[in-house]
Amino acid sequence: MSKPRDPWWPYIKNVLRAYPGMKRELQALRQQSVTVRYNPAGGGSGPGRSTEQTALRELSTAKMKRISAVEKATSITKRKHRKDGTAKTRLDLIEKTYYTPGGKLTRAADDCYISYPTAVRYQKEFIWLVARELELTDD
């Protein structure tokens, strides 16, 4: 009999699927406007503090926490698996499974030239890292 999944498992998978969109949304908010505003009398009009306005724009705290958790898990994976050479494969697997539309673990495993059981193990380890960063697990 297989071990039942933790209740947060589907939530983490949804966080991973939503990550690219949240990242694009954050980049769009932080992008500074470089359009010059002119009025009929010459000179600029409107607020002259565009850098300050850009710095103040943020996503919700929950979205920022999710983005941070995925980025930390990615960083930990890069650091932890640099020596054994699997960091790139692990991150490629996650990208092909969750960050691309219609991604499937079986297809991603084939694309990364690893067996399906290895892909399941890599996925599980990454999901646990994200869960730990979001403080959903005590391990």
C-alpha atoms as a PDB file:
ATOM      1  CA  MET A   1       0.000   0.000   0.000  1.00  0.00           C
ATOM      2  CA  SER A   2       1.366   3.426  -0.889  1.00  0.00           C
ATOM      3  CA  LYS A   3       1.961   6.150   1.642  1.00  0.00           C
ATOM      4  CA  PRO A   4      -0.734   8.861   1.587  1.00  0.00           C
ATOM      5  CA  ARG A   5       0.395  12.291   0.436  1.00  0.00           C
ATOM      6  CA  ASP A   6       0.560  15.254   2.746  1.00  0.00           C
ATOM      7  CA  PRO A   7      -2.428  17.601   2.428  1.00  0.00           C
ATOM      8  CA  TRP A   8      -0.195  20.419   1.141  1.00  0.00           C
ATOM      9  CA  TRP A   9       1.199  18.337  -1.780  1.00  0.00           C
ATOM     10  CA  PRO A  10      -1.316  19.575  -4.427  1.00  0.00           C
ATOM     11  CA  TYR A  11      -0.910  23.137  -3.129  1.00  0.00           C
ATOM     12  CA  ILE A  12       2.857  23.059  -3.750  1.00  0.00           C
ATOM     13  CA  LYS A  13       2.308  21.677  -7.245  1.00  0.00           C
ATOM     14  CA  ASN A  14      -0.064  24.587  -7.934  1.00  0.00           C
ATOM     15  CA  VAL A  15       2.507  27.040  -6.558  1.00  0.00           C
ATOM     16  CA  LEU A  16       5.088  25.622  -8.968  1.00  0.00           C
ATOM     17  CA  ARG A  17       2.677  25.883 -11.910  1.00  0.00           C
ATOM     18  CA  ALA A  18       1.835  29.499 -11.004  1.00  0.00           C
ATOM     19  CA  TYR A  19       5.460  30.540 -10.407  1.00  0.00           C
ATOM     20  CA  PRO A  20       6.306  31.744 -13.953  1.00  0.00           C
ATOM     21  CA  GLY A  21       3.169  33.918 -14.064  1.00  0.00           C
ATOM     22  CA  MET A  22       3.834  35.409 -10.632  1.00  0.00           C
ATOM     23  CA  LYS A  23       7.449  36.090 -11.623  1.00  0.00           C
ATOM     24  CA  ARG A  24       6.334  37.897 -14.817  1.00  0.00           C
ATOM     25  CA  GLU A  25       3.784  39.880 -12.810  1.00  0.00           C
ATOM     26  CA  LEU A  26       6.478  40.977 -10.350  1.00  0.00           C
ATOM     27  CA  GLN A  27       8.842  41.994 -13.154  1.00  0.00           C
ATOM     28  CA  ALA A  28       6.095  44.022 -14.832  1.00  0.00           C
ATOM     29  CA  LEU A  29       5.376  45.850 -11.588  1.00  0.00           C
ATOM     30  CA  ARG A  30       9.028  46.673 -11.056  1.00  0.00           C
ATOM     31  CA  GLN A  31       9.644  47.818 -14.604  1.00  0.00           C
ATOM     32  CA  GLN A  32      10.231  51.554 -14.657  1.00  0.00           C
ATOM     33  CA  SER A  33       8.350  53.719 -17.083  1.00  0.00           C
ATOM     34  CA  VAL A  34      10.680  55.698 -19.328  1.00  0.00           C
ATOM     35  CA  THR A  35       7.991  57.600 -21.242  1.00  0.00           C
ATOM     36  CA  VAL A  36       8.378  61.358 -21.019  1.00  0.00           C
ATOM     37  CA  ARG A  37       5.206  63.291 -20.277  1.00  0.00           C
ATOM     38  CA  TYR A  38       4.854  66.702 -21.890  1.00  0.00           C
ATOM     39  CA  ASN A  39       2.258  69.375 -21.363  1.00  0.00           C
ATOM     40  CA  PRO A  40       1.333  72.175 -23.817  1.00  0.00           C
ATOM     41  CA  ALA A  41       3.487  74.718 -21.978  1.00  0.00           C
ATOM     42  CA  GLY A  42       6.583  72.529 -22.297  1.00  0.00           C
ATOM     43  CA  GLY A  43       8.406  70.503 -19.743  1.00  0.00           C
ATOM     44  CA  GLY A  44       7.158  67.420 -18.049  1.00  0.00           C
ATOM     45  CA  SER A  45       3.933  66.946 -16.215  1.00  0.00           C
ATOM     46  CA  GLY A  46       2.803  64.483 -13.622  1.00  0.00           C
ATOM     47  CA  PRO A  47       4.792  62.992 -10.802  1.00  0.00           C
ATOM     48  CA  GLY A  48       8.540  63.183 -11.211  1.00  0.00           C
ATOM     49  CA  ARG A  49       9.246  60.346  -8.837  1.00  0.00           C
ATOM     50  CA  SER A  50       8.951  57.381 -11.194  1.00  0.00           C
ATOM     51  CA  THR A  51      11.821  55.488  -9.540  1.00  0.00           C
ATOM     52  CA  GLU A  52      10.172  55.814  -6.162  1.00  0.00           C
ATOM     53  CA  GLN A  53       6.804  54.775  -7.609  1.00  0.00           C
ATOM     54  CA  THR A  54       8.417  51.681  -9.156  1.00  0.00           C
ATOM     55  CA  ALA A  55      10.110  50.706  -5.889  1.00  0.00           C
ATOM     56  CA  LEU A  56       6.827  50.913  -3.994  1.00  0.00           C
ATOM     57  CA  ARG A  57       4.919  48.561  -6.302  1.00  0.00           C
ATOM     58  CA  GLU A  58       4.819  45.012  -4.961  1.00  0.00           C
ATOM     59  CA  LEU A  59       2.763  41.873  -5.161  1.00  0.00           C
ATOM     60  CA  SER A  60       0.774  40.616  -2.204  1.00  0.00           C
ATOM     61  CA  THR A  61       2.740  39.197   0.709  1.00  0.00           C
ATOM     62  CA  ALA A  62       1.473  35.684  -0.015  1.00  0.00           C
ATOM     63  CA  LYS A  63       2.636  35.803  -3.650  1.00  0.00           C
ATOM     64  CA  MET A  64       6.008  37.218  -2.637  1.00  0.00           C
ATOM     65  CA  LYS A  65       6.419  34.418  -0.093  1.00  0.00           C
ATOM     66  CA  ARG A  66       5.628  31.798  -2.758  1.00  0.00           C
ATOM     67  CA  ILE A  67       8.085  33.317  -5.242  1.00  0.00           C
ATOM     68  CA  SER A  68      10.759  33.455  -2.559  1.00  0.00           C
ATOM     69  CA  ALA A  69      10.158  29.821  -1.552  1.00  0.00           C
ATOM     70  CA  VAL A  70      10.565  28.552  -5.121  1.00  0.00           C
ATOM     71  CA  GLU A  71      13.688  30.671  -5.645  1.00  0.00           C
ATOM     72  CA  LYS A  72      15.233  29.431  -2.380  1.00  0.00           C
ATOM     73  CA  ALA A  73      14.446  25.818  -3.281  1.00  0.00           C
ATOM     74  CA  THR A  74      16.081  26.381  -6.672  1.00  0.00           C
ATOM     75  CA  SER A  75      19.148  27.896  -5.019  1.00  0.00           C
ATOM     76  CA  ILE A  76      19.409  25.042  -2.513  1.00  0.00           C
ATOM     77  CA  THR A  77      19.117  22.486  -5.322  1.00  0.00           C
ATOM     78  CA  LYS A  78      21.883  24.212  -7.297  1.00  0.00           C
ATOM     79  CA  ARG A  79      24.163  24.327  -4.270  1.00  0.00           C
ATOM     80  CA  LYS A  80      23.399  20.868  -2.871  1.00  0.00           C
ATOM     81  CA  HIS A  81      23.681  18.921  -6.126  1.00  0.00           C
ATOM     82  CA  ARG A  82      26.507  20.824  -7.802  1.00  0.00           C
ATOM     83  CA  LYS A  83      29.090  18.190  -6.914  1.00  0.00           C
ATOM     84  CA  ASP A  84      27.138  15.160  -8.110  1.00  0.00           C
ATOM     85  CA  GLY A  85      26.195  16.959 -11.334  1.00  0.00           C
ATOM     86  CA  THR A  86      22.438  16.474 -11.058  1.00  0.00           C
ATOM     87  CA  ALA A  87      21.452  20.081 -10.276  1.00  0.00           C
ATOM     88  CA  LYS A  88      20.856  21.044 -13.912  1.00  0.00           C
ATOM     89  CA  THR A  89      18.910  17.842 -14.612  1.00  0.00           C
ATOM     90  CA  ARG A  90      16.753  18.319 -11.510  1.00  0.00           C
ATOM     91  CA  LEU A  91      15.924  21.931 -12.370  1.00  0.00           C
ATOM     92  CA  ASP A  92      15.280  21.077 -16.031  1.00  0.00           C
ATOM     93  CA  LEU A  93      12.865  18.384 -14.887  1.00  0.00           C
ATOM     94  CA  ILE A  94      10.962  20.848 -12.669  1.00  0.00           C
ATOM     95  CA  GLU A  95      10.906  23.452 -15.454  1.00  0.00           C
ATOM     96  CA  LYS A  96       9.608  21.009 -18.072  1.00  0.00           C
ATOM     97  CA  THR A  97       7.040  19.558 -15.689  1.00  0.00           C
ATOM     98  CA  TYR A  98       5.635  22.701 -14.057  1.00  0.00           C
ATOM     99  CA  TYR A  99       6.795  25.846 -15.878  1.00  0.00           C
ATOM    100  CA  THR A 100       5.800  24.805 -19.394  1.00  0.00           C
ATOM    101  CA  PRO A 101       2.136  24.504 -20.396  1.00  0.00           C
ATOM    102  CA  GLY A 102       0.946  20.919 -20.518  1.00  0.00           C
ATOM    103  CA  GLY A 103       4.101  19.606 -18.863  1.00  0.00           C
ATOM    104  CA  LYS A 104       4.006  15.997 -17.694  1.00  0.00           C
ATOM    105  CA  LEU A 105       6.532  14.233 -15.493  1.00  0.00           C
ATOM    106  CA  THR A 106       6.839  11.235 -17.836  1.00  0.00           C
ATOM    107  CA  ARG A 107       7.599  13.445 -20.835  1.00  0.00           C
ATOM    108  CA  ALA A 108      10.010  15.586 -18.800  1.00  0.00           C
ATOM    109  CA  ALA A 109      11.844  12.461 -17.594  1.00  0.00           C
ATOM    110  CA  ASP A 110      12.294  11.327 -21.187  1.00  0.00           C
ATOM    111  CA  ASP A 111      13.491  14.803 -22.237  1.00  0.00           C
ATOM    112  CA  CYS A 112      16.022  14.857 -19.373  1.00  0.00           C
ATOM    113  CA  TYR A 113      17.210  11.287 -20.166  1.00  0.00           C
ATOM    114  CA  ILE A 114      16.397   9.924 -16.719  1.00  0.00           C
ATOM    115  CA  SER A 115      14.181   7.064 -15.601  1.00  0.00           C
ATOM    116  CA  TYR A 116      10.677   7.717 -14.340  1.00  0.00           C
ATOM    117  CA  PRO A 117      11.471   6.559 -10.755  1.00  0.00           C
ATOM    118  CA  THR A 118      14.432   8.950 -10.664  1.00  0.00           C
ATOM    119  CA  ALA A 119      12.203  11.764 -11.934  1.00  0.00           C
ATOM    120  CA  VAL A 120       9.665  11.006  -9.203  1.00  0.00           C
ATOM    121  CA  ARG A 121      12.441  11.151  -6.590  1.00  0.00           C
ATOM    122  CA  TYR A 122      13.809  14.466  -7.926  1.00  0.00           C
ATOM    123  CA  GLN A 123      10.303  15.952  -8.023  1.00  0.00           C
ATOM    124  CA  LYS A 124       9.562  14.785  -4.493  1.00  0.00           C
ATOM    125  CA  GLU A 125      12.771  16.289  -3.124  1.00  0.00           C
ATOM    126  CA  PHE A 126      12.096  19.635  -4.805  1.00  0.00           C
ATOM    127  CA  ILE A 127       8.484  19.764  -3.607  1.00  0.00           C
ATOM    128  CA  TRP A 128       9.661  19.050  -0.057  1.00  0.00           C
ATOM    129  CA  LEU A 129      12.184  21.905  -0.317  1.00  0.00           C
ATOM    130  CA  VAL A 130       9.456  24.337  -1.386  1.00  0.00           C
ATOM    131  CA  ALA A 131       7.161  23.083   1.394  1.00  0.00           C
ATOM    132  CA  ARG A 132       9.930  23.556   3.939  1.00  0.00           C
ATOM    133  CA  GLU A 133      10.538  27.117   2.708  1.00  0.00           C
ATOM    134  CA  LEU A 134       6.813  27.851   3.009  1.00  0.00           C
ATOM    135  CA  GLU A 135       6.931  26.363   6.529  1.00  0.00           C
ATOM    136  CA  LEU A 136       4.331  23.691   5.735  1.00  0.00           C
ATOM    137  CA  THR A 137       6.413  20.831   7.110  1.00  0.00           C
ATOM    138  CA  ASP A 138       8.526  20.277  10.199  1.00  0.00           C
ATOM    139  CA  ASP A 139      11.138  18.078   8.485  1.00  0.00           C
END
